[in-house]
PDB file of all heavy atoms in Angstrom:
ATOM      1  N   THR A   1       0.898  -1.143   0.018  1.00  0.00           N
ATOM      2  CA  THR A   1      -0.035  -0.021   0.059  1.00  0.00           C
ATOM      3  C   THR A   1       0.826   1.174   0.077  1.00  0.00           C
ATOM      4  O   THR A   1       1.774   1.329   0.890  1.00  0.00           O
ATOM      5  CB  THR A   1      -0.948   0.090   1.237  1.00  0.00           C
ATOM      6  OG1 THR A   1      -1.653  -1.159   1.272  1.00  0.00           O
ATOM      7  CG2 THR A   1      -1.951   1.227   1.154  1.00  0.00           C
ATOM      8  N   VAL A   2       0.726   2.047  -1.063  1.00  0.00           N
ATOM      9  CA  VAL A   2       1.711   3.111  -1.166  1.00  0.00           C
ATOM     10  C   VAL A   2       0.901   4.404  -1.442  1.00  0.00           C
ATOM     11  O   VAL A   2      -0.077   4.374  -2.257  1.00  0.00           O
ATOM     12  CB  VAL A   2       2.672   2.899  -2.438  1.00  0.00           C
ATOM     13  CG1 VAL A   2       3.681   4.083  -2.581  1.00  0.00           C
ATOM     14  CG2 VAL A   2       3.223   1.632  -2.320  1.00  0.00           C
ATOM     15  N   VAL A   3       1.202   5.508  -0.816  1.00  0.00           N
ATOM     16  CA  VAL A   3       0.506   6.754  -0.998  1.00  0.00           C
ATOM     17  C   VAL A   3       1.658   7.923  -1.109  1.00  0.00           C
ATOM     18  O   VAL A   3       2.646   7.830  -0.320  1.00  0.00           O
ATOM     19  CB  VAL A   3      -0.368   7.167   0.352  1.00  0.00           C
ATOM     20  CG1 VAL A   3      -1.020   8.503   0.053  1.00  0.00           C
ATOM     21  CG2 VAL A   3      -1.427   6.053   0.449  1.00  0.00           C
ATOM     22  N   ILE A   4       1.533   8.723  -2.048  1.00  0.00           N
ATOM     23  CA  ILE A   4       2.346   9.971  -2.142  1.00  0.00           C
ATOM     24  C   ILE A   4       1.583  11.144  -2.213  1.00  0.00           C
ATOM     25  O   ILE A   4       0.344  11.137  -2.558  1.00  0.00           O
ATOM     26  CB  ILE A   4       3.299   9.833  -3.369  1.00  0.00           C
ATOM     27  CG1 ILE A   4       2.500   9.771  -4.687  1.00  0.00           C
ATOM     28  CG2 ILE A   4       4.176   8.528  -3.344  1.00  0.00           C
ATOM     29  CD1 ILE A   4       3.253   9.836  -5.963  1.00  0.00           C
ATOM     30  N   TYR A   5       2.108  12.252  -1.741  1.00  0.00           N
ATOM     31  CA  TYR A   5       1.456  13.533  -1.723  1.00  0.00           C
ATOM     32  C   TYR A   5       2.208  14.447  -2.829  1.00  0.00           C
ATOM     33  O   TYR A   5       3.360  14.515  -2.823  1.00  0.00           O
ATOM     34  CB  TYR A   5       1.579  14.151  -0.403  1.00  0.00           C
ATOM     35  CG  TYR A   5       0.977  15.510  -0.264  1.00  0.00           C
ATOM     36  CD1 TYR A   5      -0.496  15.658  -0.337  1.00  0.00           C
ATOM     37  CD2 TYR A   5       1.798  16.709  -0.036  1.00  0.00           C
ATOM     38  CE1 TYR A   5      -1.106  16.927  -0.344  1.00  0.00           C
ATOM     39  CE2 TYR A   5       1.122  17.888   0.099  1.00  0.00           C
ATOM     40  CZ  TYR A   5      -0.153  18.051  -0.049  1.00  0.00           C
ATOM     41  OH  TYR A   5      -0.727  19.247  -0.004  1.00  0.00           O
ATOM     42  N   LEU A   6       1.427  14.932  -3.765  1.00  0.00           N
ATOM     43  CA  LEU A   6       1.992  15.726  -4.839  1.00  0.00           C
ATOM     44  C   LEU A   6       1.515  17.198  -4.688  1.00  0.00           C
ATOM     45  O   LEU A   6       0.298  17.378  -4.338  1.00  0.00           O
ATOM     46  CB  LEU A   6       1.558  15.238  -6.188  1.00  0.00           C
ATOM     47  CG  LEU A   6       1.898  13.832  -6.558  1.00  0.00           C
ATOM     48  CD1 LEU A   6       1.215  13.502  -7.856  1.00  0.00           C
ATOM     49  CD2 LEU A   6       3.358  13.616  -6.623  1.00  0.00           C
ATOM     50  N   GLN A   7       2.366  18.108  -4.923  1.00  0.00           N
ATOM     51  CA  GLN A   7       2.089  19.636  -4.862  1.00  0.00           C
ATOM     52  C   GLN A   7       3.139  20.361  -5.676  1.00  0.00           C
ATOM     53  O   GLN A   7       4.215  19.817  -5.958  1.00  0.00           O
ATOM     54  CB  GLN A   7       1.927  20.025  -3.389  1.00  0.00           C
ATOM     55  CG  GLN A   7       3.240  20.154  -2.726  1.00  0.00           C
ATOM     56  CD  GLN A   7       3.019  20.741  -1.235  1.00  0.00           C
ATOM     57  OE1 GLN A   7       3.723  20.275  -0.359  1.00  0.00           O
ATOM     58  NE2 GLN A   7       2.210  21.613  -1.063  1.00  0.00           N
ATOM     59  N   LYS A   8       2.698  21.582  -5.964  1.00  0.00           N
ATOM     60  CA  LYS A   8       3.642  22.520  -6.710  1.00  0.00           C
ATOM     61  C   LYS A   8       4.905  22.706  -5.671  1.00  0.00           C
ATOM     62  O   LYS A   8       4.742  22.870  -4.591  1.00  0.00           O
ATOM     63  CB  LYS A   8       2.991  23.581  -7.135  1.00  0.00           C
ATOM     64  CG  LYS A   8       2.029  23.355  -8.224  1.00  0.00           C
ATOM     65  CD  LYS A   8       1.347  24.709  -8.745  1.00  0.00           C
ATOM     66  CE  LYS A   8       0.431  24.505  -9.736  1.00  0.00           C
ATOM     67  NZ  LYS A   8      -0.219  25.708 -10.324  1.00  0.00           N
ATOM     68  N   ALA A   9       6.007  22.725  -6.397  1.00  0.00           N
ATOM     69  CA  ALA A   9       7.235  22.991  -5.708  1.00  0.00           C
ATOM     70  C   ALA A   9       7.229  24.292  -4.826  1.00  0.00           C
ATOM     71  O   ALA A   9       7.700  24.337  -3.748  1.00  0.00           O
ATOM     72  CB  ALA A   9       8.446  22.874  -6.509  1.00  0.00           C
ATOM     73  N   LYS A  10       6.555  25.322  -5.482  1.00  0.00           N
ATOM     74  CA  LYS A  10       6.535  26.606  -4.818  1.00  0.00           C
ATOM     75  C   LYS A  10       5.778  26.592  -3.507  1.00  0.00           C
ATOM     76  O   LYS A  10       5.872  27.396  -2.533  1.00  0.00           O
ATOM     77  CB  LYS A  10       6.018  27.674  -5.724  1.00  0.00           C
ATOM     78  CG  LYS A  10       4.518  27.521  -6.009  1.00  0.00           C
ATOM     79  CD  LYS A  10       4.030  28.678  -6.967  1.00  0.00           C
ATOM     80  CE  LYS A  10       2.544  28.508  -7.173  1.00  0.00           C
ATOM     81  NZ  LYS A  10       2.072  29.533  -8.065  1.00  0.00           N
ATOM     82  N   ASN A  11       4.867  25.624  -3.414  1.00  0.00           N
ATOM     83  CA  ASN A  11       3.973  25.494  -2.146  1.00  0.00           C
ATOM     84  C   ASN A  11       4.636  24.455  -1.048  1.00  0.00           C
ATOM     85  O   ASN A  11       4.075  24.312   0.069  1.00  0.00           O
ATOM     86  CB  ASN A  11       2.674  25.103  -2.480  1.00  0.00           C
ATOM     87  CG  ASN A  11       1.977  26.028  -3.428  1.00  0.00           C
ATOM     88  OD1 ASN A  11       2.252  27.158  -3.450  1.00  0.00           O
ATOM     89  ND2 ASN A  11       1.043  25.554  -4.119  1.00  0.00           N
ATOM     90  N   ALA A  12       5.674  23.674  -1.440  1.00  0.00           N
ATOM     91  CA  ALA A  12       6.033  22.615  -0.661  1.00  0.00           C
ATOM     92  C   ALA A  12       7.031  23.121   0.481  1.00  0.00           C
ATOM     93  O   ALA A  12       7.809  24.057   0.275  1.00  0.00           O
ATOM     94  CB  ALA A  12       6.907  21.603  -1.520  1.00  0.00           C
ATOM     95  N   LYS A  13       6.935  22.511   1.686  1.00  0.00           N
ATOM     96  CA  LYS A  13       7.758  22.831   2.767  1.00  0.00           C
ATOM     97  C   LYS A  13       9.020  22.088   2.640  1.00  0.00           C
ATOM     98  O   LYS A  13      10.033  22.460   3.161  1.00  0.00           O
ATOM     99  CB  LYS A  13       7.052  22.340   4.074  1.00  0.00           C
ATOM    100  CG  LYS A  13       5.921  23.363   4.358  1.00  0.00           C
ATOM    101  CD  LYS A  13       5.391  23.048   5.780  1.00  0.00           C
ATOM    102  CE  LYS A  13       4.170  23.900   6.084  1.00  0.00           C
ATOM    103  NZ  LYS A  13       3.619  23.774   7.330  1.00  0.00           N
ATOM    104  N   ARG A  14       9.082  20.857   1.965  1.00  0.00           N
ATOM    105  CA  ARG A  14      10.233  20.175   1.644  1.00  0.00           C
ATOM    106  C   ARG A  14       9.918  19.418   0.413  1.00  0.00           C
ATOM    107  O   ARG A  14       8.838  18.978   0.111  1.00  0.00           O
ATOM    108  CB  ARG A  14      10.726  19.201   2.866  1.00  0.00           C
ATOM    109  CG  ARG A  14       9.786  18.153   3.285  1.00  0.00           C
ATOM    110  CD  ARG A  14      10.450  17.282   4.441  1.00  0.00           C
ATOM    111  NE  ARG A  14      10.349  17.987   5.690  1.00  0.00           N
ATOM    112  CZ  ARG A  14       9.322  17.892   6.460  1.00  0.00           C
ATOM    113  NH1 ARG A  14       8.247  17.268   6.117  1.00  0.00           N
ATOM    114  NH2 ARG A  14       9.359  18.461   7.690  1.00  0.00           N
ATOM    115  N   ILE A  15      11.052  19.086  -0.379  1.00  0.00           N
ATOM    116  CA  ILE A  15      10.917  18.317  -1.542  1.00  0.00           C
ATOM    117  C   ILE A  15      11.707  17.096  -1.518  1.00  0.00           C
ATOM    118  O   ILE A  15      13.029  17.207  -1.255  1.00  0.00           O
ATOM    119  CB  ILE A  15      11.293  19.224  -2.729  1.00  0.00           C
ATOM    120  CG1 ILE A  15      10.425  20.455  -2.921  1.00  0.00           C
ATOM    121  CG2 ILE A  15      11.314  18.466  -4.121  1.00  0.00           C
ATOM    122  CD1 ILE A  15      10.875  21.523  -3.985  1.00  0.00           C
ATOM    123  N   TYR A  16      11.190  15.964  -1.689  1.00  0.00           N
ATOM    124  CA  TYR A  16      11.876  14.608  -1.822  1.00  0.00           C
ATOM    125  C   TYR A  16      12.201  14.310  -3.332  1.00  0.00           C
ATOM    126  O   TYR A  16      13.054  13.603  -3.393  1.00  0.00           O
ATOM    127  CB  TYR A  16      11.007  13.612  -1.081  1.00  0.00           C
ATOM    128  CG  TYR A  16      10.758  13.837   0.390  1.00  0.00           C
ATOM    129  CD1 TYR A  16       9.594  14.435   0.895  1.00  0.00           C
ATOM    130  CD2 TYR A  16      11.850  13.617   1.385  1.00  0.00           C
ATOM    131  CE1 TYR A  16       9.388  14.580   2.161  1.00  0.00           C
ATOM    132  CE2 TYR A  16      11.549  13.838   2.652  1.00  0.00           C
ATOM    133  CZ  TYR A  16      10.455  14.334   3.054  1.00  0.00           C
ATOM    134  OH  TYR A  16      10.203  14.571   4.394  1.00  0.00           O
ATOM    135  N   ALA A  17      11.346  14.604  -4.161  1.00  0.00           N
ATOM    136  CA  ALA A  17      11.568  14.380  -5.519  1.00  0.00           C
ATOM    137  C   ALA A  17      10.817  15.329  -6.323  1.00  0.00           C
ATOM    138  O   ALA A  17       9.895  15.931  -5.926  1.00  0.00           O
ATOM    139  CB  ALA A  17      11.138  12.900  -5.837  1.00  0.00           C
ATOM    140  N   THR A  18      11.335  15.373  -7.629  1.00  0.00           N
ATOM    141  CA  THR A  18      10.697  16.286  -8.536  1.00  0.00           C
ATOM    142  C   THR A  18      10.049  15.461  -9.789  1.00  0.00           C
ATOM    143  O   THR A  18      10.816  14.725 -10.372  1.00  0.00           O
ATOM    144  CB  THR A  18      11.657  17.386  -9.154  1.00  0.00           C
ATOM    145  OG1 THR A  18      12.095  18.058  -8.047  1.00  0.00           O
ATOM    146  CG2 THR A  18      10.994  18.295 -10.045  1.00  0.00           C
ATOM    147  N   LEU A  19       8.787  15.536  -9.813  1.00  0.00           N
ATOM    148  CA  LEU A  19       8.202  14.807 -11.090  1.00  0.00           C
ATOM    149  C   LEU A  19       8.233  15.824 -12.280  1.00  0.00           C
ATOM    150  O   LEU A  19       7.750  16.923 -12.353  1.00  0.00           O
ATOM    151  CB  LEU A  19       6.622  14.617 -10.744  1.00  0.00           C
ATOM    152  CG  LEU A  19       5.892  13.983 -11.850  1.00  0.00           C
ATOM    153  CD1 LEU A  19       6.397  12.597 -12.275  1.00  0.00           C
ATOM    154  CD2 LEU A  19       4.365  13.850 -11.405  1.00  0.00           C
ATOM    155  N   VAL A  20       9.154  15.479 -13.182  1.00  0.00           N
ATOM    156  CA  VAL A  20       9.448  16.275 -14.273  1.00  0.00           C
ATOM    157  C   VAL A  20       8.234  16.246 -15.360  1.00  0.00           C
ATOM    158  O   VAL A  20       7.825  17.267 -15.876  1.00  0.00           O
ATOM    159  CB  VAL A  20      10.716  15.818 -15.048  1.00  0.00           C
ATOM    160  CG1 VAL A  20      11.005  16.638 -16.283  1.00  0.00           C
ATOM    161  CG2 VAL A  20      11.885  15.952 -14.090  1.00  0.00           C
ATOM    162  N   TYR A  21       7.689  14.997 -15.533  1.00  0.00           N
ATOM    163  CA  TYR A  21       6.654  15.065 -16.525  1.00  0.00           C
ATOM    164  C   TYR A  21       5.929  13.735 -16.388  1.00  0.00           C
ATOM    165  O   TYR A  21       6.692  12.635 -15.963  1.00  0.00           O
ATOM    166  CB  TYR A  21       7.314  15.086 -18.051  1.00  0.00           C
ATOM    167  CG  TYR A  21       6.231  15.172 -19.138  1.00  0.00           C
ATOM    168  CD1 TYR A  21       5.590  16.311 -19.297  1.00  0.00           C
ATOM    169  CD2 TYR A  21       6.010  14.017 -19.836  1.00  0.00           C
ATOM    170  CE1 TYR A  21       4.661  16.438 -20.380  1.00  0.00           C
ATOM    171  CE2 TYR A  21       5.078  14.144 -20.931  1.00  0.00           C
ATOM    172  CZ  TYR A  21       4.390  15.273 -21.156  1.00  0.00           C
ATOM    173  OH  TYR A  21       3.479  15.436 -22.221  1.00  0.00           O
ATOM    174  N   SER A  22       4.711  13.500 -16.674  1.00  0.00           N
ATOM    175  CA  SER A  22       4.049  12.145 -16.611  1.00  0.00           C
ATOM    176  C   SER A  22       3.016  12.095 -17.747  1.00  0.00           C
ATOM    177  O   SER A  22       2.515  13.051 -18.147  1.00  0.00           O
ATOM    178  CB  SER A  22       3.436  11.955 -15.213  1.00  0.00           C
ATOM    179  OG  SER A  22       2.395  12.833 -15.054  1.00  0.00           O
ATOM    180  N   LYS A  23       2.856  10.839 -18.093  1.00  0.00           N
ATOM    181  CA  LYS A  23       1.892  10.542 -19.251  1.00  0.00           C
ATOM    182  C   LYS A  23       1.662   9.145 -19.273  1.00  0.00           C
ATOM    183  O   LYS A  23       2.396   8.239 -18.781  1.00  0.00           O
ATOM    184  CB  LYS A  23       2.472  10.999 -20.488  1.00  0.00           C
ATOM    185  CG  LYS A  23       1.585  10.797 -21.750  1.00  0.00           C
ATOM    186  CD  LYS A  23       2.325  11.321 -22.969  1.00  0.00           C
ATOM    187  CE  LYS A  23       1.337  11.243 -24.198  1.00  0.00           C
ATOM    188  NZ  LYS A  23       2.032  11.678 -25.430  1.00  0.00           N
ATOM    189  N   THR A  24       0.346   8.766 -19.530  1.00  0.00           N
ATOM    190  CA  THR A  24      -0.031   7.318 -19.701  1.00  0.00           C
ATOM    191  C   THR A  24      -0.145   7.006 -21.273  1.00  0.00           C
ATOM    192  O   THR A  24      -0.420   7.885 -21.970  1.00  0.00           O
ATOM    193  CB  THR A  24      -1.379   6.988 -18.998  1.00  0.00           C
ATOM    194  OG1 THR A  24      -2.422   7.726 -19.552  1.00  0.00           O
ATOM    195  CG2 THR A  24      -1.197   7.156 -17.416  1.00  0.00           C
ATOM    196  N   ASN A  25      -0.038   5.805 -21.551  1.00  0.00           N
ATOM    197  CA  ASN A  25      -0.111   5.372 -23.044  1.00  0.00           C
ATOM    198  C   ASN A  25       0.774   6.133 -23.893  1.00  0.00           C
ATOM    199  O   ASN A  25       0.309   6.588 -24.868  1.00  0.00           O
ATOM    200  CB  ASN A  25      -1.665   5.479 -23.472  1.00  0.00           C
ATOM    201  CG  ASN A  25      -2.527   4.476 -22.731  1.00  0.00           C
ATOM    202  OD1 ASN A  25      -1.996   3.461 -22.351  1.00  0.00           O
ATOM    203  ND2 ASN A  25      -3.655   4.743 -22.538  1.00  0.00           N
ATOM    204  N   CYS A  26       1.985   6.389 -23.519  1.00  0.00           N
ATOM    205  CA  CYS A  26       2.954   7.127 -24.082  1.00  0.00           C
ATOM    206  C   CYS A  26       3.702   6.397 -25.212  1.00  0.00           C
ATOM    207  O   CYS A  26       3.761   5.190 -25.261  1.00  0.00           O
ATOM    208  CB  CYS A  26       3.907   7.885 -23.235  1.00  0.00           C
ATOM    209  SG  CYS A  26       4.907   6.679 -22.347  1.00  0.00           S
ATOM    210  N   ASP A  27       4.252   7.187 -26.150  1.00  0.00           N
ATOM    211  CA  ASP A  27       5.078   6.546 -27.206  1.00  0.00           C
ATOM    212  C   ASP A  27       6.384   7.342 -27.245  1.00  0.00           C
ATOM    213  O   ASP A  27       6.759   8.154 -26.357  1.00  0.00           O
ATOM    214  CB  ASP A  27       4.310   6.606 -28.545  1.00  0.00           C
ATOM    215  CG  ASP A  27       3.734   7.879 -28.829  1.00  0.00           C
ATOM    216  OD1 ASP A  27       4.246   8.947 -28.488  1.00  0.00           O
ATOM    217  OD2 ASP A  27       2.694   8.112 -29.589  1.00  0.00           O
ATOM    218  N   GLU A  28       6.999   7.420 -28.461  1.00  0.00           N
ATOM    219  CA  GLU A  28       8.287   8.152 -28.626  1.00  0.00           C
ATOM    220  C   GLU A  28       8.108   9.644 -28.420  1.00  0.00           C
ATOM    221  O   GLU A  28       9.212  10.277 -28.265  1.00  0.00           O
ATOM    222  CB  GLU A  28       9.030   7.755 -29.921  1.00  0.00           C
ATOM    223  CG  GLU A  28       8.193   8.263 -31.174  1.00  0.00           C
ATOM    224  CD  GLU A  28       7.110   7.341 -31.631  1.00  0.00           C
ATOM    225  OE1 GLU A  28       6.936   6.230 -31.041  1.00  0.00           O
ATOM    226  OE2 GLU A  28       6.447   7.744 -32.573  1.00  0.00           O
ATOM    227  N   ASP A  29       7.044  10.289 -28.430  1.00  0.00           N
ATOM    228  CA  ASP A  29       6.837  11.651 -28.304  1.00  0.00           C
ATOM    229  C   ASP A  29       7.114  12.056 -26.859  1.00  0.00           C
ATOM    230  O   ASP A  29       7.250  13.191 -26.591  1.00  0.00           O
ATOM    231  CB  ASP A  29       5.506  12.186 -28.704  1.00  0.00           C
ATOM    232  CG  ASP A  29       5.185  11.858 -30.140  1.00  0.00           C
ATOM    233  OD1 ASP A  29       6.188  11.833 -30.947  1.00  0.00           O
ATOM    234  OD2 ASP A  29       4.127  11.655 -30.489  1.00  0.00           O
ATOM    235  N   PHE A  30       7.203  11.166 -25.947  1.00  0.00           N
ATOM    236  CA  PHE A  30       7.259  11.349 -24.547  1.00  0.00           C
ATOM    237  C   PHE A  30       8.511  12.401 -24.217  1.00  0.00           C
ATOM    238  O   PHE A  30       8.321  13.354 -23.512  1.00  0.00           O
ATOM    239  CB  PHE A  30       7.335  10.123 -23.676  1.00  0.00           C
ATOM    240  CG  PHE A  30       7.528  10.331 -22.217  1.00  0.00           C
ATOM    241  CD1 PHE A  30       6.420  10.577 -21.467  1.00  0.00           C
ATOM    242  CD2 PHE A  30       8.710  10.270 -21.601  1.00  0.00           C
ATOM    243  CE1 PHE A  30       6.493  10.736 -20.044  1.00  0.00           C
ATOM    244  CE2 PHE A  30       8.837  10.431 -20.216  1.00  0.00           C
ATOM    245  CZ  PHE A  30       7.674  10.589 -19.514  1.00  0.00           C
ATOM    246  N   TYR A  31       9.648  12.039 -24.660  1.00  0.00           N
ATOM    247  CA  TYR A  31      10.842  12.792 -24.368  1.00  0.00           C
ATOM    248  C   TYR A  31      10.750  14.203 -24.945  1.00  0.00           C
ATOM    249  O   TYR A  31      11.207  15.154 -24.472  1.00  0.00           O
ATOM    250  CB  TYR A  31      12.112  12.096 -24.974  1.00  0.00           C
ATOM    251  CG  TYR A  31      12.346  10.832 -23.926  1.00  0.00           C
ATOM    252  CD1 TYR A  31      11.940   9.505 -24.434  1.00  0.00           C
ATOM    253  CD2 TYR A  31      12.712  11.045 -22.691  1.00  0.00           C
ATOM    254  CE1 TYR A  31      12.253   8.406 -23.537  1.00  0.00           C
ATOM    255  CE2 TYR A  31      13.124   9.895 -21.911  1.00  0.00           C
ATOM    256  CZ  TYR A  31      12.743   8.706 -22.332  1.00  0.00           C
ATOM    257  OH  TYR A  31      12.952   7.577 -21.461  1.00  0.00           O
ATOM    258  N   ASP A  32      10.196  14.196 -26.290  1.00  0.00           N
ATOM    259  CA  ASP A  32      10.044  15.592 -27.031  1.00  0.00           C
ATOM    260  C   ASP A  32       9.149  16.530 -26.040  1.00  0.00           C
ATOM    261  O   ASP A  32       9.451  17.604 -25.836  1.00  0.00           O
ATOM    262  CB  ASP A  32       9.392  15.376 -28.376  1.00  0.00           C
ATOM    263  CG  ASP A  32      10.404  14.674 -29.257  1.00  0.00           C
ATOM    264  OD1 ASP A  32      11.684  14.855 -28.974  1.00  0.00           O
ATOM    265  OD2 ASP A  32       9.917  14.104 -30.230  1.00  0.00           O
ATOM    266  N   GLU A  33       8.054  15.880 -25.602  1.00  0.00           N
ATOM    267  CA  GLU A  33       7.041  16.656 -24.954  1.00  0.00           C
ATOM    268  C   GLU A  33       7.498  17.215 -23.577  1.00  0.00           C
ATOM    269  O   GLU A  33       7.198  18.370 -23.139  1.00  0.00           O
ATOM    270  CB  GLU A  33       5.793  15.823 -24.590  1.00  0.00           C
ATOM    271  CG  GLU A  33       4.968  15.583 -25.917  1.00  0.00           C
ATOM    272  CD  GLU A  33       3.829  14.579 -25.704  1.00  0.00           C
ATOM    273  OE1 GLU A  33       3.578  14.196 -24.511  1.00  0.00           O
ATOM    274  OE2 GLU A  33       3.188  14.225 -26.507  1.00  0.00           O
ATOM    275  N   CYS A  34       8.487  16.528 -22.903  1.00  0.00           N
ATOM    276  CA  CYS A  34       8.949  16.913 -21.569  1.00  0.00           C
ATOM    277  C   CYS A  34      10.251  17.670 -21.767  1.00  0.00           C
ATOM    278  O   CYS A  34      10.724  18.165 -20.653  1.00  0.00           O
ATOM    279  CB  CYS A  34       8.960  15.840 -20.581  1.00  0.00           C
ATOM    280  SG  CYS A  34      10.251  14.461 -20.947  1.00  0.00           S
ATOM    281  N   GLY A  35      10.871  17.654 -22.777  1.00  0.00           N
ATOM    282  CA  GLY A  35      12.024  18.532 -23.111  1.00  0.00           C
ATOM    283  C   GLY A  35      13.301  17.795 -22.604  1.00  0.00           C
ATOM    284  O   GLY A  35      14.292  18.565 -22.180  1.00  0.00           O
ATOM    285  N   ILE A  36      13.321  16.547 -22.410  1.00  0.00           N
ATOM    286  CA  ILE A  36      14.431  15.820 -21.872  1.00  0.00           C
ATOM    287  C   ILE A  36      14.947  14.753 -22.834  1.00  0.00           C
ATOM    288  O   ILE A  36      14.054  14.050 -23.396  1.00  0.00           O
ATOM    289  CB  ILE A  36      14.139  15.062 -20.461  1.00  0.00           C
ATOM    290  CG1 ILE A  36      13.970  16.123 -19.406  1.00  0.00           C
ATOM    291  CG2 ILE A  36      15.303  14.060 -20.049  1.00  0.00           C
ATOM    292  CD1 ILE A  36      13.560  15.541 -18.009  1.00  0.00           C
ATOM    293  N   THR A  37      16.103  14.606 -23.084  1.00  0.00           N
ATOM    294  CA  THR A  37      16.570  13.559 -24.173  1.00  0.00           C
ATOM    295  C   THR A  37      16.997  12.363 -23.352  1.00  0.00           C
ATOM    296  O   THR A  37      17.279  12.399 -22.169  1.00  0.00           O
ATOM    297  CB  THR A  37      17.766  14.086 -24.849  1.00  0.00           C
ATOM    298  OG1 THR A  37      18.816  14.155 -23.962  1.00  0.00           O
ATOM    299  CG2 THR A  37      17.557  15.430 -25.600  1.00  0.00           C
ATOM    300  N   PRO A  38      16.934  11.195 -23.975  1.00  0.00           N
ATOM    301  CA  PRO A  38      17.283   9.981 -23.263  1.00  0.00           C
ATOM    302  C   PRO A  38      18.639   9.996 -22.802  1.00  0.00           C
ATOM    303  O   PRO A  38      18.936   9.372 -21.725  1.00  0.00           O
ATOM    304  CB  PRO A  38      17.166   8.815 -24.312  1.00  0.00           C
ATOM    305  CG  PRO A  38      15.987   9.421 -25.266  1.00  0.00           C
ATOM    306  CD  PRO A  38      16.229  10.959 -25.371  1.00  0.00           C
ATOM    307  N   GLU A  39      19.522  10.748 -23.383  1.00  0.00           N
ATOM    308  CA  GLU A  39      20.906  10.845 -22.994  1.00  0.00           C
ATOM    309  C   GLU A  39      21.104  11.612 -21.668  1.00  0.00           C
ATOM    310  O   GLU A  39      22.032  11.432 -20.895  1.00  0.00           O
ATOM    311  CB  GLU A  39      21.779  11.640 -23.974  1.00  0.00           C
ATOM    312  CG  GLU A  39      21.895  10.868 -25.284  1.00  0.00           C
ATOM    313  CD  GLU A  39      20.688  11.082 -26.304  1.00  0.00           C
ATOM    314  OE1 GLU A  39      20.062  12.073 -26.176  1.00  0.00           O
ATOM    315  OE2 GLU A  39      20.396  10.018 -26.943  1.00  0.00           O
TER     316      GLU A  39
END
């Protein structure tokens, strides 16, 4: 059983991780959309 709390970084009291981008049913466009290369 896993629960995470997500909020905008500007509102966070502490940051454990940053979610750069998320998407379901994705294809090769994923990296283009989030602006990160596989490298």
